[in-house]
N, C-alpha and C. Protein backbone atom coordinates (compact mmCIF):
# COMPACT_ATOMS: atom_id res chain seq x y z
N MET A 1 -124.33 77.84 131.98
CA MET A 1 -123.43 78.03 131.06
C MET A 1 -122.22 78.28 131.32
N ALA A 2 -120.87 77.46 130.67
CA ALA A 2 -120.22 77.69 131.07
C ALA A 2 -119.32 78.04 130.26
N ASP A 3 -118.39 78.80 130.78
CA ASP A 3 -117.20 80.31 129.86
C ASP A 3 -116.26 79.23 129.46
N LYS A 4 -115.16 80.29 128.96
CA LYS A 4 -113.49 79.31 127.95
C LYS A 4 -112.93 78.95 129.77
N GLU A 5 -112.78 79.30 130.57
CA GLU A 5 -112.25 78.96 131.87
C GLU A 5 -113.39 78.32 132.66
N GLY A 6 -114.52 77.61 131.81
CA GLY A 6 -115.44 76.26 132.85
C GLY A 6 -116.17 77.28 134.12
N LEU A 7 -115.78 78.25 133.89
CA LEU A 7 -116.51 79.27 134.82
C LEU A 7 -118.13 79.48 134.59
N VAL A 8 -118.76 78.78 135.69
CA VAL A 8 -120.48 79.60 135.09
C VAL A 8 -120.86 80.75 135.16
N LEU A 9 -121.75 81.35 133.83
CA LEU A 9 -122.02 82.27 134.08
C LEU A 9 -123.69 82.38 134.03
N THR A 10 -123.83 83.22 135.27
CA THR A 10 -125.32 84.05 135.15
C THR A 10 -126.05 84.76 134.56
N THR A 11 -127.01 84.30 134.25
CA THR A 11 -128.07 84.75 132.49
C THR A 11 -127.31 86.57 132.68
N LYS A 12 -127.75 87.44 133.45
CA LYS A 12 -126.94 88.61 133.75
C LYS A 12 -125.80 89.32 132.86
N GLN A 13 -124.73 87.95 133.52
CA GLN A 13 -123.37 88.34 132.59
C GLN A 13 -123.38 87.46 131.31
N ARG A 14 -124.34 87.26 130.81
CA ARG A 14 -124.43 86.34 129.27
C ARG A 14 -124.85 87.78 128.45
N LYS A 15 -125.83 87.99 128.67
CA LYS A 15 -127.05 89.08 128.72
C LYS A 15 -126.36 90.46 128.57
N ARG A 16 -125.26 90.53 129.34
CA ARG A 16 -124.82 92.42 129.30
C ARG A 16 -123.93 92.77 127.31
N SER A 17 -124.27 93.51 127.25
CA SER A 17 -123.47 93.50 126.20
C SER A 17 -122.27 94.74 126.20
N LYS A 18 -122.00 95.96 125.12
CA LYS A 18 -121.56 97.16 125.31
C LYS A 18 -122.05 97.64 125.27
N ARG A 19 -121.47 99.48 126.39
CA ARG A 19 -122.72 100.52 126.42
C ARG A 19 -123.09 101.30 124.58
N ARG A 20 -123.87 101.66 124.87
CA ARG A 20 -124.30 102.45 123.38
C ARG A 20 -124.78 103.21 124.08
N ALA A 21 -124.32 104.33 123.12
CA ALA A 21 -125.08 105.94 123.51
C ALA A 21 -125.43 106.42 122.02
N PRO A 22 -127.53 107.14 122.26
CA PRO A 22 -127.32 107.22 120.91
C PRO A 22 -126.33 108.55 120.47
N TRP A 23 -126.31 108.34 119.29
CA TRP A 23 -125.66 108.94 117.85
C TRP A 23 -125.72 110.50 118.36
N ARG A 24 -126.61 111.27 118.32
CA ARG A 24 -126.45 112.32 118.86
C ARG A 24 -125.90 112.71 119.91
N LYS A 25 -125.32 111.73 120.96
CA LYS A 25 -125.02 112.06 122.17
C LYS A 25 -123.14 112.14 122.42
N VAL A 26 -123.29 111.05 121.55
CA VAL A 26 -121.18 111.13 121.25
C VAL A 26 -121.09 111.84 120.55
N ALA A 27 -121.92 113.10 119.22
CA ALA A 27 -121.58 113.97 118.82
C ALA A 27 -121.12 115.12 119.54
N GLU A 28 -122.79 115.01 120.27
CA GLU A 28 -122.19 115.89 121.41
C GLU A 28 -120.70 116.15 122.69
N ARG A 29 -120.68 114.68 122.82
CA ARG A 29 -119.21 114.33 123.27
C ARG A 29 -118.06 114.69 122.54
N PHE A 30 -118.14 115.58 121.32
CA PHE A 30 -116.72 115.77 120.38
C PHE A 30 -116.48 116.92 119.99
N GLY A 31 -118.63 117.72 120.39
CA GLY A 31 -118.64 119.05 119.94
C GLY A 31 -118.31 119.17 118.42
N ILE A 32 -119.55 118.16 117.50
CA ILE A 32 -119.80 118.58 116.37
C ILE A 32 -120.63 118.19 116.32
N SER A 33 -121.45 117.98 114.70
CA SER A 33 -123.20 118.12 114.36
C SER A 33 -122.74 116.08 114.33
N VAL A 34 -124.56 116.14 114.03
CA VAL A 34 -124.09 114.76 113.99
C VAL A 34 -124.15 114.16 112.73
N LYS A 35 -124.10 115.14 111.59
CA LYS A 35 -124.12 114.80 110.09
C LYS A 35 -122.34 115.00 110.00
N THR A 36 -121.39 115.79 111.16
CA THR A 36 -120.17 115.83 110.88
C THR A 36 -119.64 113.85 111.08
N LEU A 37 -119.76 113.88 112.65
CA LEU A 37 -119.89 112.24 112.87
C LEU A 37 -119.85 110.69 111.81
N ASP A 38 -120.94 111.46 110.84
CA ASP A 38 -121.53 110.59 110.30
C ASP A 38 -120.32 110.63 108.81
N ARG A 39 -119.53 111.65 108.87
CA ARG A 39 -118.96 111.83 107.93
C ARG A 39 -117.54 111.23 108.58
N TRP A 40 -117.10 111.48 109.84
CA TRP A 40 -116.39 110.88 110.69
C TRP A 40 -116.11 109.21 109.97
N ALA A 41 -117.53 108.75 110.71
CA ALA A 41 -117.98 106.94 110.56
C ALA A 41 -118.04 106.62 109.35
N ARG A 42 -117.71 107.45 107.74
CA ARG A 42 -117.63 106.71 106.56
C ARG A 42 -116.42 106.72 106.23
N ARG A 43 -115.71 107.49 106.85
CA ARG A 43 -113.71 107.90 106.39
C ARG A 43 -113.22 107.50 107.65
N GLY A 44 -113.52 106.87 108.52
CA GLY A 44 -112.90 105.51 109.09
C GLY A 44 -112.10 105.92 110.46
N ILE A 45 -112.44 107.30 110.67
CA ILE A 45 -112.18 107.92 112.25
C ILE A 45 -112.81 107.65 113.66
N VAL A 46 -114.08 107.30 113.02
CA VAL A 46 -114.90 106.45 114.26
C VAL A 46 -115.25 105.32 113.67
N ASP A 47 -115.67 104.46 115.00
CA ASP A 47 -116.32 103.41 113.93
C ASP A 47 -118.03 103.68 114.00
N PRO A 48 -118.54 103.08 113.29
CA PRO A 48 -119.76 102.99 112.55
C PRO A 48 -120.89 103.29 113.96
N PRO A 49 -122.00 103.47 113.90
CA PRO A 49 -122.94 103.50 114.07
C PRO A 49 -123.74 101.57 114.21
N VAL A 50 -124.40 101.81 115.21
CA VAL A 50 -125.05 100.40 115.79
C VAL A 50 -126.70 100.88 115.01
N LYS A 51 -126.96 100.10 114.60
CA LYS A 51 -128.17 100.63 114.10
C LYS A 51 -129.35 99.75 115.11
N ILE A 52 -130.70 99.59 115.77
CA ILE A 52 -131.36 99.46 116.93
C ILE A 52 -132.46 100.07 116.06
N ASN A 53 -133.31 99.41 115.76
CA ASN A 53 -134.90 99.84 115.24
C ASN A 53 -134.95 101.35 113.98
N LYS A 54 -134.12 101.24 113.41
CA LYS A 54 -133.75 102.66 112.45
C LYS A 54 -132.93 103.63 113.50
N ARG A 55 -132.25 103.41 114.83
CA ARG A 55 -131.78 104.55 115.85
C ARG A 55 -130.20 104.22 115.37
N LYS A 56 -129.90 105.22 115.46
CA LYS A 56 -128.25 104.87 115.59
C LYS A 56 -127.77 105.10 116.92
N TYR A 57 -126.92 103.94 117.05
CA TYR A 57 -126.47 104.37 118.89
C TYR A 57 -124.25 103.52 118.42
N GLY A 58 -124.07 104.64 119.08
CA GLY A 58 -122.21 104.47 119.30
C GLY A 58 -121.86 104.15 120.72
N ASP A 59 -120.53 103.67 120.38
CA ASP A 59 -119.43 103.72 121.71
C ASP A 59 -119.62 104.66 122.66
N PRO A 60 -119.39 105.36 123.59
CA PRO A 60 -119.82 106.77 124.49
C PRO A 60 -118.49 107.18 125.01
N ASP A 61 -117.54 105.59 124.97
CA ASP A 61 -116.23 106.07 125.25
C ASP A 61 -114.89 106.23 124.37
N ALA A 62 -115.50 105.98 123.08
CA ALA A 62 -114.76 105.64 121.88
C ALA A 62 -113.99 106.64 120.92
N GLU A 63 -112.84 106.85 121.19
CA GLU A 63 -112.09 108.21 121.07
C GLU A 63 -111.79 107.92 119.51
N PRO A 64 -111.74 109.46 118.91
CA PRO A 64 -111.51 109.46 117.40
C PRO A 64 -109.85 108.69 117.09
N ARG A 65 -109.87 108.31 115.88
CA ARG A 65 -108.68 107.81 115.24
C ARG A 65 -107.77 108.77 113.95
N LEU A 66 -106.91 109.39 115.29
CA LEU A 66 -106.34 110.95 114.56
C LEU A 66 -105.09 110.10 113.48
N ASP A 67 -104.64 109.29 113.33
CA ASP A 67 -103.99 108.72 112.33
C ASP A 67 -104.53 108.74 110.96
N VAL A 68 -106.12 108.91 111.45
CA VAL A 68 -106.88 108.96 109.60
C VAL A 68 -107.15 110.37 109.14
N ALA A 69 -105.76 110.44 107.59
CA ALA A 69 -106.93 112.13 106.86
C ALA A 69 -107.44 112.20 106.14
């Protein structure tokens, strides 16, 4: 399989996706509770979690938006 530039991609390169961390770990990183992180996601301060098998995962490197009031 080739990408837009015509380079051939290996299977490992095609399957690699964004890093995800458990929602609790994301909350710990900010020093807040999971409930607060859920509220922030609802208000748009952080990206909403990705749900996989009824578990929530978020981007461990994302920063909260400070321009949302």
